[in-house]
Amino acid sequence: MKALRYYAPEDVRLEDVPEPQCGPDEVKIRVRNCSTCGTDVKILHNGHQNLTPPRTIGHEIAGDIVEVGAQVNTANGTDWAEGDRVQVIAAVPCGECHECRKGWMAVCQNQTSMGYQYDGGFAEYMIVPRQVLKVDGLNRIPDNVSYDEASAAEPFACAINAQDLLGIEEGDTVVVFGAGPIGCMHIRIARGVHNCGPVYLVDVNESRLKMSADAVHPDEVINASEVDVVEKVMELTGGRGADVVITATAANVTQEQAIAMAARNGRISFFGGLPKTNPTITCDSNVVHYRQLHIHGANGSAPEHNKRALQYISTGQVPVKDLITRHIPLGDVLDAFSIVQNGEAIKVTVEPAAAAAAV
């Protein structure tokens, strides 16, 4: 079968590999869709400390079951069967550490990941390991949800995790930095789930801003390459500032601007991680102190966030279909990486050659 294998930074190869064999405590799936994100591009260029090469990468996975290990249903109290349509979590908690026992699975200290420690979804077939099944991380795709939509449930789950921490209230003014797929999902969740007030979308790329704004219709778009973002937000809010600011981009300056534009009792999500070579910002601590700001990190998701993402997609509460603007066959998977890197689409999904048409 074909699979995209990571060997080293700048050395990622689409090659023929043996079809994986399903163990007694594993499930084998045919991958229908594996969507791409900025992390895949970072892995291509820089690798990752948790990635053990050679490794099939790809972590936004949906497909259907072709084989169920003999011990799976007995061990997990499940009833998985060949033909079931499924979505796979990306971040895999251990289920046993202090954080997991507290219900904080998104920050499990022993977390492993699909496409890092386990072979991922840029392949025709893949194995769902027992660690995923143990924490209920294999999810049924609702009948009215397509494979490509289901593959978007993983990044969607990460956004749900971040917004749960923010406590967005009805009518809150929300600023989202980053006009990529995650920024679009944040806008739709803030509106569709939390019934927020005005939403302002910020980016430095005019064409990307337009493409995303045409999809999610923010109340205002702000091109940060042309105007002072903090000044503009203050103007739009009558000098009060934003109740919620989400930095869905890996730019240091956006985190500093988030602090500067936050209203009193404002909540800030540092959603996008910063480059490892430049991870610090300048923070006016007195602004945080006197405005009583709440700054949250947000990293990944827990299994339950994936289930909620699929539910929101199924009910139409938070649609994602129109955000998936490019479908790429597995044979052209590296083109998908270039499209993501150049910001030429909102969401790009890869469809392995063995897959039948999506629902």
Protein backbone atom coordinates (compact mmCIF):
# COMPACT_ATOMS: atom_id res chain seq x y z
CA MET A 1 0.00 0.00 0.00
CA LYS A 2 1.00 3.68 -0.29
CA ALA A 3 1.96 5.64 2.82
CA LEU A 4 3.64 8.98 3.54
CA ARG A 5 6.70 8.21 5.67
CA TYR A 6 8.73 10.69 7.70
CA TYR A 7 12.48 9.96 7.95
CA ALA A 8 14.01 13.32 8.89
CA PRO A 9 13.35 17.04 8.42
CA GLU A 10 12.84 17.69 4.69
CA ASP A 11 12.88 13.92 4.09
CA VAL A 12 9.28 12.76 3.81
CA ARG A 13 8.52 10.10 1.22
CA LEU A 14 5.39 8.63 -0.33
CA GLU A 15 6.35 4.99 -0.71
CA ASP A 16 5.09 1.44 -0.92
CA VAL A 17 4.98 -0.31 2.44
CA PRO A 18 3.45 -3.60 3.60
CA GLU A 19 -0.20 -3.41 4.58
CA PRO A 20 -0.36 -3.39 8.40
CA GLN A 21 -1.50 -6.50 10.26
CA CYS A 22 -4.19 -6.24 12.93
CA GLY A 23 -3.28 -7.57 16.37
CA PRO A 24 -5.79 -9.18 18.75
CA ASP A 25 -6.25 -5.94 20.73
CA GLU A 26 -6.29 -3.60 17.72
CA VAL A 27 -8.63 -2.41 14.97
CA LYS A 28 -7.64 -1.99 11.33
CA ILE A 29 -9.25 0.73 9.25
CA ARG A 30 -9.29 1.79 5.63
CA VAL A 31 -8.49 5.50 5.68
CA ARG A 32 -11.04 7.52 3.74
CA ASN A 33 -9.84 10.99 4.73
CA CYS A 34 -6.86 12.36 6.62
CA SER A 35 -6.91 16.13 6.77
CA THR A 36 -3.86 18.36 7.04
CA CYS A 37 -2.87 21.17 9.36
CA GLY A 38 0.02 23.52 10.07
CA THR A 39 1.57 20.95 12.40
CA ASP A 40 2.08 18.59 9.45
CA VAL A 41 4.00 21.34 7.67
CA LYS A 42 6.14 21.93 10.78
CA ILE A 43 6.91 18.20 10.93
CA LEU A 44 7.91 18.22 7.27
CA HIS A 45 10.44 20.99 7.82
CA ASN A 46 11.52 20.54 11.44
CA GLY A 47 10.45 17.10 12.67
CA HIS A 48 9.14 16.71 16.20
CA GLN A 49 10.72 15.54 19.44
CA ASN A 50 7.98 12.93 19.99
CA LEU A 51 8.11 11.52 16.47
CA THR A 52 10.08 8.30 16.06
CA PRO A 53 11.17 7.75 12.41
CA PRO A 54 10.49 6.16 10.10
CA ARG A 55 6.86 6.94 10.76
CA THR A 56 3.67 7.28 8.73
CA ILE A 57 2.36 10.72 9.65
CA GLY A 58 -1.15 12.23 9.63
CA HIS A 59 -3.43 12.64 12.64
CA GLU A 60 -6.84 13.96 11.46
CA ILE A 61 -8.28 10.57 10.56
CA ALA A 62 -11.59 9.09 9.42
CA GLY A 63 -12.30 5.78 7.73
CA ASP A 64 -14.07 2.47 8.06
CA ILE A 65 -13.22 -0.70 9.91
CA VAL A 66 -11.93 -3.63 7.87
CA GLU A 67 -10.86 -5.88 10.76
CA VAL A 68 -11.48 -6.11 14.50
CA GLY A 69 -8.99 -7.92 16.74
CA ALA A 70 -10.38 -10.95 18.56
CA GLN A 71 -9.92 -9.40 22.03
CA VAL A 72 -11.13 -5.86 21.29
CA ASN A 73 -14.82 -6.05 22.11
CA THR A 74 -14.28 -8.36 25.09
CA ALA A 75 -11.61 -6.11 26.61
CA ASN A 76 -13.38 -2.79 26.01
CA GLY A 77 -17.07 -3.70 26.24
CA THR A 78 -17.60 -2.49 22.69
CA ASP A 79 -19.30 -3.91 19.63
CA TRP A 80 -17.08 -2.78 16.77
CA ALA A 81 -17.62 -4.57 13.47
CA GLU A 82 -16.31 -4.57 9.93
CA GLY A 83 -17.85 -1.71 7.95
CA ASP A 84 -18.33 0.67 10.89
CA ARG A 85 -17.53 4.27 9.96
CA VAL A 86 -15.12 5.74 12.50
CA GLN A 87 -13.10 8.80 13.52
CA VAL A 88 -9.85 8.43 15.48
CA ILE A 89 -8.56 10.76 18.20
CA ALA A 90 -5.10 12.22 17.62
CA ALA A 91 -3.86 12.90 21.17
CA VAL A 92 -3.97 9.67 23.18
CA PRO A 93 -4.08 10.01 27.00
CA CYS A 94 -2.87 7.19 29.21
CA GLY A 95 -6.03 7.20 31.34
CA GLU A 96 -4.04 6.46 34.51
CA CYS A 97 -1.87 9.47 35.50
CA HIS A 98 -2.84 12.18 38.00
CA GLU A 99 -4.14 14.45 35.24
CA CYS A 100 -6.26 11.74 33.64
CA ARG A 101 -7.73 10.72 36.99
CA LYS A 102 -8.67 14.38 37.55
CA GLY A 103 -10.43 14.44 34.19
CA TRP A 104 -7.74 16.57 32.52
CA MET A 105 -6.99 14.17 29.69
CA ALA A 106 -5.97 16.97 27.31
CA VAL A 107 -2.86 17.52 29.44
CA CYS A 108 -2.02 13.87 30.21
CA GLN A 109 1.64 13.71 31.21
CA ASN A 110 2.07 10.41 29.35
CA GLN A 111 0.22 11.46 26.19
CA THR A 112 1.10 9.76 22.91
CA SER A 113 -0.21 10.65 19.46
CA MET A 114 -1.29 9.19 16.16
CA GLY A 115 1.31 9.93 13.53
CA TYR A 116 4.00 10.36 16.19
CA GLN A 117 4.43 7.22 18.31
CA TYR A 118 1.92 5.28 16.16
CA ASP A 119 1.62 5.19 12.38
CA GLY A 120 -0.90 7.76 11.22
CA GLY A 121 -3.45 8.37 8.51
CA PHE A 122 -1.61 9.41 5.36
CA ALA A 123 -1.90 5.81 4.19
CA GLU A 124 -4.43 3.49 2.60
CA TYR A 125 -4.78 1.43 5.78
CA MET A 126 -3.76 1.94 9.39
CA ILE A 127 -3.99 0.31 12.80
CA VAL A 128 -5.92 1.85 15.67
CA PRO A 129 -3.75 0.82 18.64
CA ARG A 130 -5.06 -0.60 21.90
CA GLN A 131 -4.10 2.64 23.68
CA VAL A 132 -6.75 4.50 21.66
CA LEU A 133 -9.39 1.85 22.31
CA LYS A 134 -8.57 1.80 26.02
CA VAL A 135 -9.57 5.48 26.44
CA ASP A 136 -12.64 5.26 24.18
CA GLY A 137 -10.88 7.19 21.42
CA LEU A 138 -12.47 5.46 18.43
CA ASN A 139 -15.74 7.20 17.60
CA ARG A 140 -18.67 6.24 15.38
CA ILE A 141 -19.33 8.74 12.62
CA PRO A 142 -23.00 9.80 12.59
CA ASP A 143 -24.85 8.68 9.47
CA ASN A 144 -25.31 12.22 8.19
CA VAL A 145 -21.61 13.16 8.58
CA SER A 146 -19.23 12.53 5.69
CA TYR A 147 -15.71 11.16 6.08
CA ASP A 148 -14.09 14.49 5.24
CA GLU A 149 -16.21 16.28 7.85
CA ALA A 150 -15.36 13.59 10.42
CA SER A 151 -11.64 14.05 9.77
CA ALA A 152 -12.08 17.73 10.69
CA ALA A 153 -13.48 16.71 14.09
CA GLU A 154 -9.96 16.44 15.55
CA PRO A 155 -8.91 20.11 15.11
CA PHE A 156 -12.49 21.06 15.96
CA ALA A 157 -12.05 19.17 19.25
CA CYS A 158 -8.95 21.22 20.06
CA ALA A 159 -10.95 24.43 19.59
CA ILE A 160 -13.72 23.09 21.82
CA ASN A 161 -11.16 22.40 24.54
CA ALA A 162 -9.83 25.96 24.34
CA GLN A 163 -13.27 27.57 24.44
CA ASP A 164 -14.37 25.44 27.38
CA LEU A 165 -11.53 27.03 29.35
CA LEU A 166 -12.54 30.56 28.31
CA GLY A 167 -16.11 30.46 29.57
CA ILE A 168 -17.51 32.51 26.70
CA GLU A 169 -20.80 34.14 27.68
CA GLU A 170 -23.73 35.25 25.56
CA GLY A 171 -23.01 38.59 23.94
CA ASP A 172 -19.24 38.56 24.55
CA THR A 173 -17.10 40.39 22.01
CA VAL A 174 -14.59 37.93 20.53
CA VAL A 175 -11.39 38.60 18.60
CA VAL A 176 -9.77 35.73 16.69
CA PHE A 177 -6.21 36.08 15.39
CA GLY A 178 -5.54 33.78 12.44
CA ALA A 179 -7.74 33.31 9.37
CA GLY A 180 -6.92 29.64 8.93
CA PRO A 181 -9.23 26.66 9.46
CA ILE A 182 -8.82 26.78 13.23
CA GLY A 183 -9.67 30.48 13.33
CA CYS A 184 -12.80 29.75 11.27
CA MET A 185 -13.78 26.91 13.60
CA HIS A 186 -13.28 29.15 16.63
CA ILE A 187 -15.67 31.70 15.17
CA ARG A 188 -18.33 29.10 14.44
CA ILE A 189 -18.04 27.51 17.89
CA ALA A 190 -18.17 30.88 19.67
CA ARG A 191 -21.36 31.70 17.78
CA GLY A 192 -23.03 28.31 17.39
CA VAL A 193 -22.31 26.93 20.86
CA HIS A 194 -21.83 30.00 23.07
CA ASN A 195 -24.00 32.59 21.29
CA CYS A 196 -21.32 35.25 21.54
CA GLY A 197 -21.68 38.84 20.34
CA PRO A 198 -19.58 40.58 17.67
CA VAL A 199 -16.63 38.63 16.26
CA TYR A 200 -13.56 40.26 14.70
CA LEU A 201 -11.13 38.24 12.56
CA VAL A 202 -7.49 39.36 12.34
CA ASP A 203 -4.74 38.30 9.92
CA VAL A 204 -1.91 39.83 7.88
CA ASN A 205 -2.77 38.02 4.64
CA GLU A 206 -5.48 39.87 2.71
CA SER A 207 -6.42 36.98 0.41
CA ARG A 208 -6.62 34.55 3.32
CA LEU A 209 -8.75 37.02 5.26
CA LYS A 210 -11.15 37.34 2.34
CA MET A 211 -11.34 33.59 1.75
CA SER A 212 -12.15 32.87 5.41
CA ALA A 213 -14.43 35.87 5.84
CA ASP A 214 -16.49 34.74 2.86
CA ALA A 215 -17.03 31.45 4.69
CA VAL A 216 -17.63 32.48 8.31
CA HIS A 217 -18.73 36.13 7.96
CA PRO A 218 -17.09 37.86 10.95
CA ASP A 219 -18.58 41.19 11.94
CA GLU A 220 -15.32 42.87 10.99
CA VAL A 221 -12.07 41.80 9.33
CA ILE A 222 -8.87 43.49 10.42
CA ASN A 223 -5.75 43.38 8.29
CA ALA A 224 -2.96 43.69 10.85
CA SER A 225 -0.47 44.61 8.13
CA GLU A 226 -2.42 47.81 7.44
CA VAL A 227 -3.79 49.05 10.76
CA ASP A 228 -2.95 49.09 14.46
CA VAL A 229 -4.97 46.08 15.63
CA VAL A 230 -5.25 47.13 19.27
CA GLU A 231 -6.35 50.63 18.30
CA LYS A 232 -8.92 49.22 15.87
CA VAL A 233 -10.42 46.82 18.43
CA MET A 234 -10.63 49.60 20.99
CA GLU A 235 -12.42 51.74 18.43
CA LEU A 236 -14.87 48.95 17.57
CA THR A 237 -15.65 48.31 21.26
CA GLY A 238 -16.04 51.92 22.32
CA GLY A 239 -12.75 51.82 24.20
CA ARG A 240 -13.72 48.83 26.38
CA GLY A 241 -11.71 46.11 24.63
CA ALA A 242 -12.55 42.50 23.76
CA ASP A 243 -14.09 40.10 26.27
CA VAL A 244 -12.39 37.11 24.63
CA VAL A 245 -9.23 36.97 22.48
CA ILE A 246 -8.02 33.79 20.80
CA THR A 247 -4.58 33.71 19.17
CA ALA A 248 -4.87 30.90 16.62
CA THR A 249 -1.52 31.67 15.04
CA ALA A 250 2.14 31.13 15.88
CA ALA A 251 3.05 34.84 16.00
CA ASN A 252 4.51 36.30 19.20
CA VAL A 253 3.12 39.77 18.56
CA THR A 254 -0.48 38.51 18.55
CA GLN A 255 -0.16 37.35 22.16
CA GLU A 256 1.16 40.76 23.19
CA GLN A 257 -1.65 42.46 21.29
CA ALA A 258 -4.19 40.14 22.91
CA ILE A 259 -3.18 41.32 26.36
CA ALA A 260 -3.24 44.95 25.28
CA MET A 261 -6.76 44.76 23.77
CA ALA A 262 -8.47 42.63 26.42
CA ALA A 263 -11.31 44.22 28.36
CA ARG A 264 -11.55 44.12 32.14
CA ASN A 265 -12.07 40.51 33.23
CA GLY A 266 -11.12 39.54 29.67
CA ARG A 267 -10.20 35.96 28.80
CA ILE A 268 -7.32 35.15 26.48
CA SER A 269 -6.44 31.84 24.84
CA PHE A 270 -2.85 31.31 23.70
CA PHE A 271 -4.10 28.66 21.29
CA GLY A 272 -1.27 28.73 18.77
CA GLY A 273 2.11 27.61 20.09
CA LEU A 274 5.13 29.81 19.39
CA PRO A 275 8.31 28.72 17.60
CA LYS A 276 10.63 26.72 19.85
CA THR A 277 13.45 29.08 18.89
CA ASN A 278 11.49 32.17 19.98
CA PRO A 279 8.90 31.22 22.61
CA THR A 280 8.81 34.37 24.75
CA ILE A 281 6.76 37.56 24.69
CA THR A 282 6.74 40.87 26.56
CA CYS A 283 3.86 40.97 29.01
CA ASP A 284 2.79 44.12 30.85
CA SER A 285 1.99 42.43 34.13
CA ASN A 286 0.20 45.50 35.44
CA VAL A 287 -2.32 45.26 32.60
CA VAL A 288 -3.01 41.66 33.59
CA HIS A 289 -3.18 42.67 37.25
CA TYR A 290 -5.40 45.75 37.07
CA ARG A 291 -7.76 44.50 34.37
CA GLN A 292 -8.02 41.12 36.12
CA LEU A 293 -7.23 39.23 32.93
CA HIS A 294 -7.37 35.46 32.57
CA ILE A 295 -4.73 33.96 30.26
CA HIS A 296 -5.17 30.31 29.26
CA GLY A 297 -2.98 27.91 27.43
CA ALA A 298 -4.74 25.37 25.23
CA ASN A 299 -3.08 22.26 23.88
CA GLY A 300 -4.85 19.48 22.05
CA SER A 301 -8.02 17.80 23.23
CA ALA A 302 -9.48 14.90 25.18
CA PRO A 303 -11.50 12.00 23.73
CA GLU A 304 -14.77 13.57 24.87
CA HIS A 305 -14.03 16.75 22.89
CA ASN A 306 -13.86 14.63 19.71
CA LYS A 307 -17.27 13.13 20.47
CA ARG A 308 -18.75 16.59 20.98
CA ALA A 309 -17.21 17.80 17.73
CA LEU A 310 -18.91 15.00 15.80
CA GLN A 311 -22.20 15.79 17.56
CA TYR A 312 -22.00 19.51 16.71
CA ILE A 313 -21.24 18.67 13.07
CA SER A 314 -24.10 16.16 12.90
CA THR A 315 -26.71 18.54 14.33
CA GLY A 316 -25.55 21.40 12.12
CA GLN A 317 -24.81 23.51 15.18
CA VAL A 318 -21.26 24.02 13.90
CA PRO A 319 -20.93 23.18 10.19
CA VAL A 320 -17.50 22.37 8.74
CA LYS A 321 -18.24 21.02 5.24
CA ASP A 322 -17.73 24.34 3.49
CA LEU A 323 -14.42 24.90 5.30
CA ILE A 324 -12.92 21.88 3.52
CA THR A 325 -12.00 23.63 0.29
CA ARG A 326 -9.49 21.21 -1.25
CA HIS A 327 -9.58 17.42 -1.66
CA ILE A 328 -6.24 15.88 -2.64
CA PRO A 329 -5.52 12.23 -3.58
CA LEU A 330 -2.86 10.46 -1.52
CA GLY A 331 -0.56 10.39 -4.55
CA ASP A 332 -0.39 14.21 -4.40
CA VAL A 333 -0.16 14.47 -0.62
CA LEU A 334 2.94 16.69 -0.66
CA ASP A 335 0.98 19.17 -2.77
CA ALA A 336 -1.47 19.36 0.12
CA PHE A 337 1.38 20.41 2.41
CA SER A 338 2.34 23.21 0.00
CA ILE A 339 -1.26 24.42 -0.20
CA VAL A 340 -1.45 24.58 3.60
CA GLN A 341 1.92 26.33 3.89
CA ASN A 342 0.96 28.94 1.29
CA GLY A 343 -2.50 29.55 2.76
CA GLU A 344 -4.20 28.72 -0.54
CA ALA A 345 -7.18 26.93 1.04
CA ILE A 346 -9.08 26.94 4.31
CA LYS A 347 -8.94 23.20 5.05
CA VAL A 348 -7.19 20.59 2.91
CA THR A 349 -8.06 16.90 3.17
CA VAL A 350 -6.18 13.95 1.70
CA GLU A 351 -8.11 11.00 0.27
CA PRO A 352 -6.11 7.77 -0.06
CA ALA A 353 -6.37 6.09 -3.46
CA ALA A 354 -7.97 2.95 -2.03
CA ALA A 355 -10.88 4.93 -0.56
CA ALA A 356 -14.27 4.93 -2.15
CA ALA A 357 -16.11 8.21 -2.56
CA ALA A 358 -17.05 9.95 0.66
CA VAL A 359 -20.64 9.77 1.85
